[in-house]
C-alpha cells in the first residue's frame, strides 16, 4: 500500500485538507493511509456530482479538497465539471479508482472504464494515469501543481497495474 501512502503524502504537501469520497476499494486504501497520517477532514458523499460541487465550494472558500471516486461515477459528474469547475476555472482535483480495465471481471464496469480517458479528454481535463508505484509521487504532485496553476479540474487515474484488481466470481 506504499502507493496510497505516497498519494496521501503528496496531498498533505500540497495543502489538501478535505478528502471527499464515494466508496471504492482503491479509494479506501487512500483513506486508510490518510487516517494513519491524520490531519485530513474526510467527507463521504452520496454521488460524484455532489463531490464536484463540494470540492469547488471548498476552493472558493479558500481551502483545498480532492474528489476520490470510482470510474463508474465519473459519468455522474460530467455536467457538474462542464457547467461549474471548467467554465469558472475552479481547481478540482479528482482521483479516480479505475475499473473496467486490465483484469476486470464485471462487464458492467468495462464500458465506462475504457471510455474514461476519452471522456476526460473531450472536456480537455488533463489526465494522469499511474501504473507504477515508483511514479506515484511524481505524477500526483505534478497533477496537483497543474490543477492549482491552471485553476481547473485535473484527473489522476489509479490503475489496476498500480493497485491491483478486484477478484470476481470463479470462472466456469
N, C-alpha and C. Protein backbone atom coordinates (compact mmCIF):
# COMPACT_ATOMS: atom_id res chain seq x y z
N UNK A 1 0.83 -1.20 0.00
CA UNK A 1 0.00 0.00 0.00
C UNK A 1 0.86 1.25 0.00
N UNK A 2 2.13 1.15 -0.31
CA UNK A 2 3.01 2.31 -0.33
C UNK A 2 2.53 3.36 -1.34
N UNK A 3 1.90 2.92 -2.43
CA UNK A 3 1.39 3.88 -3.41
C UNK A 3 0.35 4.80 -2.78
N UNK A 4 -0.52 4.25 -1.94
CA UNK A 4 -1.56 5.06 -1.28
C UNK A 4 -0.93 6.05 -0.30
N UNK A 5 0.06 5.59 0.44
CA UNK A 5 0.76 6.47 1.38
C UNK A 5 1.46 7.60 0.63
N UNK A 6 1.99 7.29 -0.54
CA UNK A 6 2.65 8.29 -1.37
C UNK A 6 1.66 9.35 -1.84
N UNK A 7 0.48 8.92 -2.28
CA UNK A 7 -0.56 9.87 -2.70
C UNK A 7 -0.94 10.78 -1.54
N UNK A 8 -1.16 10.20 -0.38
CA UNK A 8 -1.57 10.98 0.79
C UNK A 8 -0.48 11.97 1.20
N UNK A 9 0.75 11.55 1.15
CA UNK A 9 1.87 12.43 1.47
C UNK A 9 1.91 13.63 0.52
N UNK A 10 1.68 13.38 -0.76
CA UNK A 10 1.67 14.47 -1.74
C UNK A 10 0.46 15.39 -1.52
N UNK A 11 -0.68 14.82 -1.17
CA UNK A 11 -1.84 15.66 -0.86
C UNK A 11 -1.52 16.60 0.30
N UNK A 12 -0.91 16.07 1.34
CA UNK A 12 -0.53 16.88 2.50
C UNK A 12 0.45 17.96 2.09
N UNK A 13 1.48 17.60 1.31
CA UNK A 13 2.49 18.54 0.84
C UNK A 13 1.88 19.69 0.05
N UNK A 14 0.77 19.42 -0.64
CA UNK A 14 0.09 20.43 -1.45
C UNK A 14 -1.07 21.10 -0.70
N UNK A 15 -1.08 20.95 0.60
CA UNK A 15 -2.06 21.61 1.47
C UNK A 15 -3.51 21.22 1.20
N UNK A 16 -3.71 19.98 0.74
CA UNK A 16 -5.07 19.47 0.57
C UNK A 16 -5.56 19.06 1.96
N UNK A 17 -6.71 19.59 2.34
CA UNK A 17 -7.24 19.33 3.67
C UNK A 17 -8.46 18.41 3.66
N UNK A 18 -9.25 18.49 2.58
CA UNK A 18 -10.52 17.78 2.52
C UNK A 18 -10.46 16.60 1.55
N UNK A 19 -10.82 15.43 2.03
CA UNK A 19 -10.90 14.23 1.20
C UNK A 19 -12.39 13.89 1.08
N UNK A 20 -12.95 14.17 -0.07
CA UNK A 20 -14.37 13.95 -0.35
C UNK A 20 -14.47 12.70 -1.21
N UNK A 21 -15.25 11.72 -0.79
CA UNK A 21 -15.17 10.44 -1.49
C UNK A 21 -16.51 9.73 -1.67
N UNK A 22 -16.56 8.95 -2.74
CA UNK A 22 -17.59 7.96 -2.95
C UNK A 22 -16.87 6.62 -2.81
N UNK A 23 -17.40 5.69 -2.04
CA UNK A 23 -16.67 4.45 -1.73
C UNK A 23 -16.21 3.66 -2.95
N UNK A 24 -15.03 3.09 -2.82
CA UNK A 24 -14.40 2.26 -3.85
C UNK A 24 -13.22 1.57 -3.16
N UNK A 25 -12.84 0.38 -3.61
CA UNK A 25 -11.77 -0.35 -2.94
C UNK A 25 -10.43 0.37 -3.04
N UNK A 26 -10.12 0.95 -4.19
CA UNK A 26 -8.85 1.67 -4.32
C UNK A 26 -8.88 2.95 -3.49
N UNK A 27 -10.00 3.62 -3.49
CA UNK A 27 -10.15 4.86 -2.71
C UNK A 27 -10.01 4.55 -1.22
N UNK A 28 -10.54 3.43 -0.79
CA UNK A 28 -10.45 3.06 0.63
C UNK A 28 -9.00 2.91 1.07
N UNK A 29 -8.14 2.42 0.19
CA UNK A 29 -6.72 2.30 0.54
C UNK A 29 -6.10 3.69 0.77
N UNK A 30 -6.50 4.66 -0.02
CA UNK A 30 -6.02 6.03 0.17
C UNK A 30 -6.56 6.61 1.47
N UNK A 31 -7.82 6.36 1.76
CA UNK A 31 -8.42 6.86 3.00
C UNK A 31 -7.77 6.22 4.23
N UNK A 32 -7.44 4.94 4.15
CA UNK A 32 -6.73 4.26 5.26
C UNK A 32 -5.40 4.95 5.53
N UNK A 33 -4.66 5.24 4.46
CA UNK A 33 -3.37 5.91 4.61
C UNK A 33 -3.55 7.31 5.19
N UNK A 34 -4.61 8.00 4.79
CA UNK A 34 -4.89 9.35 5.30
C UNK A 34 -5.25 9.31 6.78
N UNK A 35 -6.02 8.31 7.17
CA UNK A 35 -6.39 8.18 8.59
C UNK A 35 -5.15 7.92 9.45
N UNK A 36 -4.21 7.14 8.92
CA UNK A 36 -2.98 6.86 9.66
C UNK A 36 -2.13 8.12 9.81
N UNK A 37 -2.04 8.91 8.74
CA UNK A 37 -1.25 10.13 8.78
C UNK A 37 -1.95 11.22 9.59
N UNK A 38 -3.26 11.29 9.48
CA UNK A 38 -4.04 12.29 10.21
C UNK A 38 -3.97 13.66 9.56
N UNK A 39 -4.82 14.56 10.07
CA UNK A 39 -4.80 15.94 9.60
C UNK A 39 -5.71 16.24 8.42
N UNK A 40 -6.52 15.27 8.00
CA UNK A 40 -7.45 15.48 6.90
C UNK A 40 -8.87 15.46 7.42
N UNK A 41 -9.75 16.18 6.76
CA UNK A 41 -11.18 16.07 7.02
C UNK A 41 -11.75 15.20 5.91
N UNK A 42 -12.44 14.13 6.31
CA UNK A 42 -12.93 13.14 5.35
C UNK A 42 -14.46 13.26 5.29
N UNK A 43 -14.96 13.45 4.06
CA UNK A 43 -16.39 13.63 3.86
C UNK A 43 -16.93 12.59 2.89
N UNK A 44 -17.77 11.66 3.37
CA UNK A 44 -18.39 10.71 2.46
C UNK A 44 -19.49 11.41 1.65
N UNK A 45 -19.63 11.00 0.41
CA UNK A 45 -20.61 11.61 -0.49
C UNK A 45 -21.62 10.58 -0.95
N UNK A 46 -22.80 11.04 -1.33
CA UNK A 46 -23.80 10.15 -1.89
C UNK A 46 -23.56 9.91 -3.38
N UNK A 47 -23.10 10.97 -4.08
CA UNK A 47 -22.89 10.87 -5.53
C UNK A 47 -21.70 11.72 -5.94
N UNK A 48 -21.11 11.36 -7.07
CA UNK A 48 -19.90 12.04 -7.53
C UNK A 48 -20.13 13.49 -7.92
N UNK A 49 -21.26 13.81 -8.55
CA UNK A 49 -21.50 15.20 -8.92
C UNK A 49 -21.63 16.10 -7.70
N UNK A 50 -22.11 15.54 -6.61
CA UNK A 50 -22.12 16.26 -5.33
C UNK A 50 -20.69 16.62 -4.95
N UNK A 51 -19.78 15.71 -5.19
CA UNK A 51 -18.37 15.92 -4.86
C UNK A 51 -17.75 17.05 -5.64
N UNK A 52 -18.11 17.20 -6.91
CA UNK A 52 -17.60 18.32 -7.71
C UNK A 52 -18.03 19.63 -7.06
N UNK A 53 -19.29 19.74 -6.69
CA UNK A 53 -19.79 20.95 -6.03
C UNK A 53 -19.11 21.20 -4.71
N UNK A 54 -18.89 20.16 -3.93
CA UNK A 54 -18.24 20.30 -2.63
C UNK A 54 -16.79 20.75 -2.80
N UNK A 55 -16.03 20.12 -3.69
CA UNK A 55 -14.63 20.49 -3.91
C UNK A 55 -14.55 21.94 -4.42
N UNK A 56 -15.44 22.31 -5.33
CA UNK A 56 -15.46 23.69 -5.84
C UNK A 56 -15.78 24.67 -4.72
N UNK A 57 -16.74 24.33 -3.88
CA UNK A 57 -17.06 25.18 -2.73
C UNK A 57 -15.90 25.32 -1.76
N UNK A 58 -15.19 24.24 -1.53
CA UNK A 58 -14.02 24.30 -0.66
C UNK A 58 -12.96 25.22 -1.25
N UNK A 59 -12.77 25.16 -2.57
CA UNK A 59 -11.79 26.02 -3.24
C UNK A 59 -12.21 27.49 -3.17
N UNK A 60 -13.46 27.76 -3.43
CA UNK A 60 -13.97 29.14 -3.37
C UNK A 60 -13.82 29.69 -1.96
N UNK A 61 -13.97 28.82 -0.96
CA UNK A 61 -13.82 29.22 0.44
C UNK A 61 -12.37 29.31 0.91
N UNK A 62 -11.43 29.06 0.01
CA UNK A 62 -10.01 29.19 0.36
C UNK A 62 -9.34 27.90 0.79
N UNK A 63 -10.07 26.79 0.75
CA UNK A 63 -9.49 25.51 1.14
C UNK A 63 -9.13 24.68 -0.08
N UNK A 64 -8.52 23.56 0.17
CA UNK A 64 -8.17 22.63 -0.90
C UNK A 64 -8.75 21.26 -0.58
N UNK A 65 -9.54 20.77 -1.51
CA UNK A 65 -10.12 19.45 -1.38
C UNK A 65 -9.84 18.64 -2.61
N UNK A 66 -10.14 17.36 -2.53
CA UNK A 66 -9.99 16.45 -3.66
C UNK A 66 -11.22 15.54 -3.66
N UNK A 67 -11.65 15.18 -4.87
CA UNK A 67 -12.72 14.19 -5.02
C UNK A 67 -12.07 12.85 -5.31
N UNK A 68 -12.42 11.83 -4.53
CA UNK A 68 -11.95 10.47 -4.74
C UNK A 68 -13.16 9.64 -5.13
N UNK A 69 -13.09 9.00 -6.31
CA UNK A 69 -14.26 8.26 -6.78
C UNK A 69 -13.87 7.14 -7.73
N UNK A 70 -14.80 6.21 -7.98
CA UNK A 70 -14.54 5.16 -8.96
C UNK A 70 -14.88 5.65 -10.37
N UNK A 71 -14.39 4.95 -11.39
CA UNK A 71 -14.66 5.35 -12.77
C UNK A 71 -16.14 5.37 -13.08
N UNK A 72 -16.90 4.44 -12.56
CA UNK A 72 -18.32 4.38 -12.85
C UNK A 72 -19.01 5.69 -12.49
N UNK A 73 -18.54 6.35 -11.45
CA UNK A 73 -19.15 7.59 -11.01
C UNK A 73 -18.73 8.81 -11.79
N UNK A 74 -17.67 8.69 -12.57
CA UNK A 74 -17.24 9.84 -13.36
C UNK A 74 -18.37 10.31 -14.28
N UNK A 75 -19.09 9.36 -14.87
CA UNK A 75 -20.20 9.72 -15.75
C UNK A 75 -21.24 10.57 -15.04
N UNK A 76 -21.43 10.33 -13.75
CA UNK A 76 -22.39 11.12 -12.98
C UNK A 76 -21.96 12.57 -12.81
N UNK A 77 -20.67 12.83 -12.91
CA UNK A 77 -20.15 14.16 -12.59
C UNK A 77 -19.85 15.04 -13.79
N UNK A 78 -20.09 14.55 -15.00
CA UNK A 78 -19.72 15.29 -16.20
C UNK A 78 -20.37 16.66 -16.27
N UNK A 79 -21.67 16.76 -16.04
CA UNK A 79 -22.35 18.05 -16.12
C UNK A 79 -21.82 19.03 -15.08
N UNK A 80 -21.55 18.55 -13.88
CA UNK A 80 -21.00 19.43 -12.84
C UNK A 80 -19.62 19.96 -13.24
N UNK A 81 -18.82 19.10 -13.84
CA UNK A 81 -17.50 19.54 -14.32
C UNK A 81 -17.65 20.58 -15.43
N UNK A 82 -18.52 20.27 -16.41
CA UNK A 82 -18.66 21.12 -17.59
C UNK A 82 -19.40 22.43 -17.31
N UNK A 83 -20.23 22.46 -16.27
CA UNK A 83 -21.01 23.69 -16.01
C UNK A 83 -20.53 24.47 -14.79
N UNK A 84 -19.60 23.91 -14.03
CA UNK A 84 -19.12 24.61 -12.83
C UNK A 84 -17.60 24.72 -12.81
N UNK A 85 -16.91 23.62 -12.63
CA UNK A 85 -15.45 23.67 -12.44
C UNK A 85 -14.71 24.22 -13.65
N UNK A 86 -15.09 23.78 -14.84
CA UNK A 86 -14.36 24.21 -16.04
C UNK A 86 -14.62 25.67 -16.39
N UNK A 87 -15.88 26.09 -16.58
CA UNK A 87 -16.09 27.49 -17.01
C UNK A 87 -15.70 28.53 -15.96
N UNK A 88 -15.80 28.18 -14.69
CA UNK A 88 -15.47 29.14 -13.63
C UNK A 88 -14.04 29.00 -13.13
N UNK A 89 -13.27 28.14 -13.80
CA UNK A 89 -11.84 27.97 -13.52
C UNK A 89 -11.58 27.72 -12.03
N UNK A 90 -12.17 26.64 -11.55
CA UNK A 90 -12.03 26.27 -10.14
C UNK A 90 -11.15 25.02 -10.04
N UNK A 91 -10.07 25.08 -9.28
CA UNK A 91 -9.23 23.88 -9.11
C UNK A 91 -10.05 22.74 -8.51
N UNK A 92 -10.05 21.62 -9.20
CA UNK A 92 -10.87 20.48 -8.77
C UNK A 92 -10.12 19.19 -9.08
N UNK A 93 -9.20 18.78 -8.19
CA UNK A 93 -8.50 17.52 -8.43
C UNK A 93 -9.41 16.33 -8.17
N UNK A 94 -9.33 15.35 -9.06
CA UNK A 94 -10.15 14.15 -8.95
C UNK A 94 -9.21 12.94 -9.02
N UNK A 95 -9.27 12.10 -8.00
CA UNK A 95 -8.50 10.85 -8.01
C UNK A 95 -9.51 9.74 -8.26
N UNK A 96 -9.31 9.02 -9.35
CA UNK A 96 -10.28 8.04 -9.82
C UNK A 96 -9.70 6.63 -9.70
N UNK A 97 -10.39 5.78 -8.97
CA UNK A 97 -10.03 4.37 -8.89
C UNK A 97 -10.57 3.67 -10.13
N UNK A 98 -9.68 3.24 -11.01
CA UNK A 98 -10.06 2.69 -12.31
C UNK A 98 -10.68 1.30 -12.16
N UNK A 99 -11.81 1.12 -12.82
CA UNK A 99 -12.44 -0.19 -13.02
C UNK A 99 -12.64 -0.35 -14.51
N UNK A 100 -12.95 -1.55 -14.96
CA UNK A 100 -13.24 -1.79 -16.37
C UNK A 100 -12.01 -1.86 -17.24
N UNK A 101 -10.87 -2.04 -16.62
CA UNK A 101 -9.61 -2.07 -17.34
C UNK A 101 -8.98 -3.45 -17.12
N UNK A 102 -7.69 -3.53 -17.24
CA UNK A 102 -6.94 -4.78 -17.11
C UNK A 102 -7.43 -5.61 -15.92
N UNK A 103 -7.84 -6.84 -16.20
CA UNK A 103 -8.24 -7.77 -15.14
C UNK A 103 -9.67 -7.64 -14.67
N UNK A 104 -10.48 -6.81 -15.30
CA UNK A 104 -11.86 -6.59 -14.85
C UNK A 104 -12.70 -7.86 -15.02
N UNK A 105 -13.52 -8.17 -14.01
CA UNK A 105 -14.39 -9.33 -14.07
C UNK A 105 -15.85 -8.95 -14.32
N UNK A 106 -16.20 -7.71 -14.05
CA UNK A 106 -17.59 -7.27 -14.11
C UNK A 106 -17.85 -6.55 -15.44
N UNK A 107 -18.65 -7.13 -16.33
CA UNK A 107 -18.88 -6.50 -17.63
C UNK A 107 -19.54 -5.13 -17.52
N UNK A 108 -20.28 -4.87 -16.46
CA UNK A 108 -20.94 -3.58 -16.29
C UNK A 108 -19.93 -2.45 -16.06
N UNK A 109 -18.71 -2.78 -15.67
CA UNK A 109 -17.68 -1.77 -15.41
C UNK A 109 -16.85 -1.43 -16.65
N UNK A 110 -16.87 -2.30 -17.65
CA UNK A 110 -15.94 -2.20 -18.76
C UNK A 110 -16.13 -0.95 -19.61
N UNK A 111 -17.34 -0.65 -20.04
CA UNK A 111 -17.56 0.47 -20.96
C UNK A 111 -17.08 1.79 -20.37
N UNK A 112 -17.51 2.12 -19.17
CA UNK A 112 -17.10 3.39 -18.57
C UNK A 112 -15.61 3.40 -18.28
N UNK A 113 -15.09 2.27 -17.84
CA UNK A 113 -13.66 2.19 -17.57
C UNK A 113 -12.82 2.44 -18.81
N UNK A 114 -13.25 1.91 -19.92
CA UNK A 114 -12.50 2.09 -21.15
C UNK A 114 -12.72 3.46 -21.79
N UNK A 115 -13.83 4.12 -21.47
CA UNK A 115 -14.13 5.43 -22.05
C UNK A 115 -13.63 6.60 -21.20
N UNK A 116 -13.20 6.32 -19.99
CA UNK A 116 -12.84 7.39 -19.04
C UNK A 116 -11.85 8.40 -19.62
N UNK A 117 -10.73 7.94 -20.14
CA UNK A 117 -9.73 8.88 -20.65
C UNK A 117 -10.26 9.69 -21.83
N UNK A 118 -11.04 9.07 -22.70
CA UNK A 118 -11.61 9.80 -23.83
C UNK A 118 -12.60 10.86 -23.37
N UNK A 119 -13.41 10.53 -22.37
CA UNK A 119 -14.38 11.50 -21.83
C UNK A 119 -13.65 12.69 -21.21
N UNK A 120 -12.65 12.41 -20.40
CA UNK A 120 -11.87 13.48 -19.79
C UNK A 120 -11.16 14.32 -20.87
N UNK A 121 -10.65 13.65 -21.89
CA UNK A 121 -10.00 14.34 -23.00
C UNK A 121 -10.96 15.24 -23.75
N UNK A 122 -12.19 14.78 -23.96
CA UNK A 122 -13.20 15.60 -24.65
C UNK A 122 -13.49 16.88 -23.88
N UNK A 123 -13.38 16.82 -22.56
CA UNK A 123 -13.58 18.01 -21.72
C UNK A 123 -12.29 18.81 -21.53
N UNK A 124 -11.21 18.33 -22.14
CA UNK A 124 -9.89 18.94 -22.04
C UNK A 124 -9.39 19.00 -20.58
N UNK A 125 -9.70 17.96 -19.85
CA UNK A 125 -9.24 17.84 -18.47
C UNK A 125 -7.92 17.06 -18.50
N UNK A 126 -6.82 17.67 -18.05
CA UNK A 126 -5.56 16.94 -18.00
C UNK A 126 -5.72 15.67 -17.16
N UNK A 127 -5.21 14.57 -17.69
CA UNK A 127 -5.40 13.27 -17.05
C UNK A 127 -4.06 12.55 -16.95
N UNK A 128 -3.78 12.02 -15.76
CA UNK A 128 -2.51 11.34 -15.50
C UNK A 128 -2.82 9.96 -14.97
N UNK A 129 -2.27 8.96 -15.62
CA UNK A 129 -2.53 7.55 -15.34
C UNK A 129 -1.33 6.98 -14.58
N UNK A 130 -1.54 6.57 -13.33
CA UNK A 130 -0.46 6.00 -12.54
C UNK A 130 -0.50 4.48 -12.68
N UNK A 131 0.56 3.93 -13.22
CA UNK A 131 0.62 2.48 -13.43
C UNK A 131 1.69 1.80 -12.59
N UNK A 132 2.64 2.59 -12.05
CA UNK A 132 3.74 2.01 -11.27
C UNK A 132 3.93 2.79 -9.97
N UNK A 133 4.27 2.06 -8.94
CA UNK A 133 4.46 2.67 -7.63
C UNK A 133 5.55 3.75 -7.66
N UNK A 134 6.63 3.52 -8.43
CA UNK A 134 7.74 4.47 -8.43
C UNK A 134 7.40 5.80 -9.13
N UNK A 135 6.27 5.87 -9.81
CA UNK A 135 5.87 7.13 -10.45
C UNK A 135 4.74 7.84 -9.71
N UNK A 136 4.25 7.24 -8.63
CA UNK A 136 3.09 7.77 -7.92
C UNK A 136 3.31 9.18 -7.40
N UNK A 137 4.40 9.40 -6.69
CA UNK A 137 4.66 10.71 -6.10
C UNK A 137 4.81 11.79 -7.17
N UNK A 138 5.62 11.51 -8.17
CA UNK A 138 5.89 12.49 -9.23
C UNK A 138 4.62 12.86 -10.00
N UNK A 139 3.83 11.87 -10.41
CA UNK A 139 2.62 12.15 -11.17
C UNK A 139 1.55 12.85 -10.33
N UNK A 140 1.39 12.42 -9.09
CA UNK A 140 0.40 13.06 -8.22
C UNK A 140 0.78 14.50 -7.94
N UNK A 141 2.04 14.74 -7.61
CA UNK A 141 2.50 16.10 -7.33
C UNK A 141 2.38 16.98 -8.58
N UNK A 142 2.82 16.47 -9.72
CA UNK A 142 2.74 17.23 -10.95
C UNK A 142 1.31 17.56 -11.34
N UNK A 143 0.40 16.61 -11.16
CA UNK A 143 -1.00 16.83 -11.48
C UNK A 143 -1.61 17.90 -10.58
N UNK A 144 -1.29 17.86 -9.30
CA UNK A 144 -1.83 18.88 -8.38
C UNK A 144 -1.27 20.26 -8.70
N UNK A 145 0.00 20.32 -9.05
CA UNK A 145 0.59 21.61 -9.43
C UNK A 145 -0.13 22.21 -10.63
N UNK A 146 -0.40 21.38 -11.64
CA UNK A 146 -1.11 21.86 -12.82
C UNK A 146 -2.53 22.28 -12.46
N UNK A 147 -3.17 21.52 -11.61
CA UNK A 147 -4.54 21.82 -11.19
C UNK A 147 -4.62 23.22 -10.58
N UNK A 148 -3.73 23.51 -9.66
CA UNK A 148 -3.78 24.80 -8.97
C UNK A 148 -3.24 25.94 -9.83
N UNK A 149 -2.27 25.66 -10.68
CA UNK A 149 -1.73 26.71 -11.56
C UNK A 149 -2.74 27.08 -12.66
N UNK A 150 -3.41 26.09 -13.22
CA UNK A 150 -4.35 26.34 -14.31
C UNK A 150 -5.76 26.67 -13.82
N UNK A 151 -6.00 26.45 -12.53
CA UNK A 151 -7.30 26.71 -11.92
C UNK A 151 -8.41 25.96 -12.66
N UNK A 152 -8.25 24.66 -12.73
CA UNK A 152 -9.25 23.82 -13.37
C UNK A 152 -9.14 22.39 -12.90
N UNK A 153 -10.05 21.55 -13.35
CA UNK A 153 -10.01 20.14 -12.96
C UNK A 153 -8.80 19.42 -13.53
N UNK A 154 -8.34 18.43 -12.79
CA UNK A 154 -7.29 17.51 -13.22
C UNK A 154 -7.69 16.14 -12.68
N UNK A 155 -7.46 15.10 -13.50
CA UNK A 155 -7.79 13.74 -13.08
C UNK A 155 -6.52 12.91 -12.93
N UNK A 156 -6.49 12.14 -11.84
CA UNK A 156 -5.41 11.19 -11.58
C UNK A 156 -6.06 9.81 -11.55
N UNK A 157 -5.63 8.94 -12.44
CA UNK A 157 -6.21 7.60 -12.53
C UNK A 157 -5.34 6.59 -11.79
N UNK A 158 -5.91 5.97 -10.77
CA UNK A 158 -5.24 4.91 -10.03
C UNK A 158 -5.62 3.60 -10.70
N UNK A 159 -4.68 3.04 -11.45
CA UNK A 159 -4.96 1.89 -12.30
C UNK A 159 -4.84 0.55 -11.58
N UNK A 160 -5.30 -0.48 -12.27
CA UNK A 160 -5.16 -1.84 -11.76
C UNK A 160 -3.70 -2.28 -11.75
N UNK A 161 -2.91 -1.77 -12.69
CA UNK A 161 -1.48 -2.11 -12.70
C UNK A 161 -0.82 -1.65 -11.40
N UNK A 162 -1.27 -0.53 -10.88
CA UNK A 162 -0.72 0.01 -9.63
C UNK A 162 -1.33 -0.66 -8.41
N UNK A 163 -2.64 -0.70 -8.33
CA UNK A 163 -3.33 -1.07 -7.10
C UNK A 163 -3.92 -2.47 -7.09
N UNK A 164 -3.84 -3.16 -8.21
CA UNK A 164 -4.44 -4.49 -8.29
C UNK A 164 -5.91 -4.41 -8.68
N UNK A 165 -6.49 -5.56 -8.97
CA UNK A 165 -7.89 -5.57 -9.35
C UNK A 165 -8.70 -6.41 -8.40
N UNK A 166 -10.00 -6.17 -8.44
CA UNK A 166 -10.92 -6.95 -7.63
C UNK A 166 -11.06 -8.33 -8.23
N UNK A 167 -11.08 -9.30 -7.38
CA UNK A 167 -11.33 -10.66 -7.85
C UNK A 167 -12.84 -10.86 -7.93
N UNK A 168 -13.27 -11.47 -9.01
CA UNK A 168 -14.70 -11.73 -9.20
C UNK A 168 -15.05 -13.15 -8.86
N UNK A 169 -16.14 -13.57 -9.39
CA UNK A 169 -16.57 -14.96 -9.20
C UNK A 169 -15.58 -15.87 -9.91
N UNK A 170 -15.51 -17.08 -9.41
CA UNK A 170 -14.63 -18.06 -10.06
C UNK A 170 -15.11 -18.33 -11.47
N UNK A 171 -14.18 -18.37 -12.40
CA UNK A 171 -14.52 -18.62 -13.81
C UNK A 171 -15.01 -20.04 -13.99
N UNK A 172 -15.96 -20.19 -14.88
CA UNK A 172 -16.52 -21.54 -15.16
C UNK A 172 -15.82 -22.15 -16.33
